[in-house]
Structure formats: structure tokens, C-alpha cells
Protein backbone atom coordinates (compact mmCIF):
# COMPACT_ATOMS: atom_id res chain seq x y z
CA MET A 1 23.90 11.19 4.94
CA PHE A 2 26.39 12.22 2.28
CA ASN A 3 29.71 10.53 2.89
CA VAL A 4 31.47 9.86 -0.39
CA GLY A 5 34.87 9.25 1.17
CA GLY A 6 33.43 6.71 3.58
CA ALA A 7 30.97 5.04 1.21
CA ILE A 8 32.93 4.55 -2.03
CA GLU A 9 35.33 1.63 -1.90
CA GLY A 10 36.16 1.41 -5.60
CA LEU A 11 35.41 3.22 -8.87
CA LYS A 12 35.97 2.28 -12.51
CA PHE A 13 34.82 4.15 -15.62
CA GLU A 14 34.98 2.78 -19.13
CA VAL A 15 34.05 4.16 -22.53
CA LYS A 16 33.14 1.46 -25.01
CA GLY A 17 35.51 1.12 -27.99
CA GLY A 18 32.97 1.25 -30.80
CA ALA A 19 31.09 4.20 -29.36
CA GLU A 20 31.73 7.75 -30.44
CA LEU A 21 30.68 10.94 -28.73
CA LEU A 22 28.77 11.85 -31.89
CA GLU A 23 26.20 9.29 -30.82
CA LEU A 24 25.23 11.71 -28.07
CA ASP A 25 22.89 14.60 -28.66
CA ASP A 26 24.08 18.22 -28.98
CA GLY A 27 25.40 18.30 -25.44
CA TYR A 28 24.99 20.64 -22.55
CA ARG A 29 24.20 24.33 -22.89
CA GLY A 30 24.03 26.72 -19.97
CA GLU A 31 21.59 29.57 -19.65
CA SER A 32 23.81 32.18 -21.26
CA SER A 33 22.29 34.31 -24.01
CA GLY A 34 18.81 32.99 -23.27
CA VAL A 35 19.70 29.45 -24.43
CA THR A 36 17.82 26.82 -22.45
CA GLU A 37 19.83 24.25 -20.52
CA GLU A 38 19.93 20.81 -22.14
CA ARG A 39 21.63 17.67 -20.92
CA VAL A 40 23.37 14.98 -22.94
CA GLY A 41 21.55 11.77 -23.75
CA ASN A 42 22.57 8.64 -25.62
CA TYR A 43 19.96 8.04 -28.29
CA SER A 44 21.79 5.22 -30.07
CA ASP A 45 21.29 1.51 -29.42
CA GLU A 46 24.93 1.12 -28.34
CA LEU A 47 26.26 1.36 -24.82
CA VAL A 48 28.58 4.39 -24.72
CA ALA A 49 29.90 4.42 -21.15
CA LYS A 50 29.71 2.41 -17.96
CA VAL A 51 30.60 3.40 -14.40
CA CYS A 52 31.18 0.67 -11.81
CA ILE A 53 31.17 1.71 -8.15
CA GLU A 54 31.76 -0.47 -5.10
CA VAL A 55 29.70 1.02 -2.27
CA LYS A 56 29.74 0.26 1.45
CA ARG A 57 26.52 0.38 3.47
CA CYS A 58 22.90 0.76 2.39
CA GLY A 59 20.25 3.46 2.04
CA LYS A 60 19.54 6.13 -0.54
CA PHE A 61 22.23 6.47 -3.22
CA ASP A 62 22.47 9.76 -5.14
CA VAL A 63 24.97 10.77 -7.78
CA TYR A 64 25.16 13.68 -10.21
CA LEU A 65 25.56 12.70 -13.86
CA PHE A 66 25.99 14.79 -16.96
CA ALA A 67 23.80 12.42 -18.97
CA LYS A 68 20.65 10.51 -18.10
CA PRO A 69 21.58 6.87 -17.54
CA ARG A 70 20.09 4.14 -19.70
CA LYS A 71 20.21 1.61 -16.89
CA CYS A 72 21.21 1.32 -13.22
CA ILE A 73 22.22 -2.08 -11.85
CA VAL A 74 22.78 -2.96 -8.19
CA ASP A 75 24.31 -6.33 -7.35
CA SER A 76 23.40 -7.72 -10.82
CA ASN A 77 19.76 -6.53 -10.56
CA VAL A 78 18.34 -3.71 -12.70
CA VAL A 79 16.81 -1.12 -10.37
CA ASP A 80 14.37 1.74 -10.86
CA PHE A 81 15.96 5.17 -10.60
CA VAL A 82 14.85 8.78 -10.54
CA TYR A 83 16.62 11.30 -12.76
CA ASN A 84 16.24 15.06 -12.31
CA LEU A 85 16.74 16.65 -15.72
CA ASN A 86 17.45 20.10 -14.28
CA SER A 87 20.14 19.12 -11.77
CA GLY A 88 21.43 15.84 -13.22
CA LEU A 89 20.79 14.06 -9.90
CA VAL A 90 20.20 10.31 -10.18
CA GLY A 91 18.79 8.49 -7.15
CA PHE A 92 17.92 4.95 -6.18
CA SER A 93 17.91 2.73 -3.11
CA LEU A 94 20.61 0.35 -1.93
CA ASP A 95 18.95 -2.41 0.05
CA SER A 96 20.61 -3.90 3.11
CA LEU A 97 23.67 -6.04 2.50
CA SER A 98 23.54 -9.79 2.96
CA GLU A 99 25.74 -11.32 5.63
CA GLU A 100 28.28 -12.53 3.07
CA GLY A 101 28.19 -9.29 1.08
CA LYS A 102 30.46 -6.50 2.24
CA LEU A 103 29.88 -4.16 -0.71
CA HIS A 104 27.17 -3.25 -3.19
CA VAL A 105 28.33 -3.31 -6.81
CA VAL A 106 26.61 -0.43 -8.62
CA GLU A 107 26.79 -0.14 -12.42
CA ILE A 108 25.45 2.88 -14.26
CA GLU A 109 25.21 2.61 -18.05
CA SER A 110 24.87 5.51 -20.47
């Protein structure tokens, strides 16, 4: 089920102060003029950006990202994720919520 309006409770994006876009690779190129598509990746040791999302409910969580994430964290736990280089789709599972928990806190670091 894709229900962004019903699933996302909060969203915050931050770019780290010391990071510069030059720390990313050459960027994204489409397939014009025979150039092969490439996606951005952070190859430095520094964290460049972080997205924090408050998500209602559980199940499979998919999001499209321009760059492959370095790390995905759900409720303070690092989780395994799948990244599709061609589409930019990142996917992982949100386990069921505890009785006291009303939201999952998802952090995606690039």
C-alpha cells in the first residue's frame, strides 16, 4: 500500500554544516547523448545529509532517493536496506509498533 499522506506524520531534512556538495561524486547524468545514467554517492567519511521521518503504521517502507544512503535507522536501530541503483528506490521493513509507540522514527543518512 502506498499512502504517503496517511503514513508520514513528520519530516525534517538537514544538511550538515561542514559538508560540501563537492564531497559527492560527479552527480546524476541522464541517458542523453549516449551518456550512461549515474547516481550521486557520498564517498567521504563525513555525513552530508540526514532525513528524519515520523511514520505511522508498519510494513514495507519504500522511498526514492537521489543518492544511495550510507545508513538507515529505524527507532534507533540500524536496519538492512535494499537500494536499486537504476531507479533510486530504497526499501526496508518497519516492524510492528510497540503498545507505547505511536510512530516509527526513520533516519536516512547520506
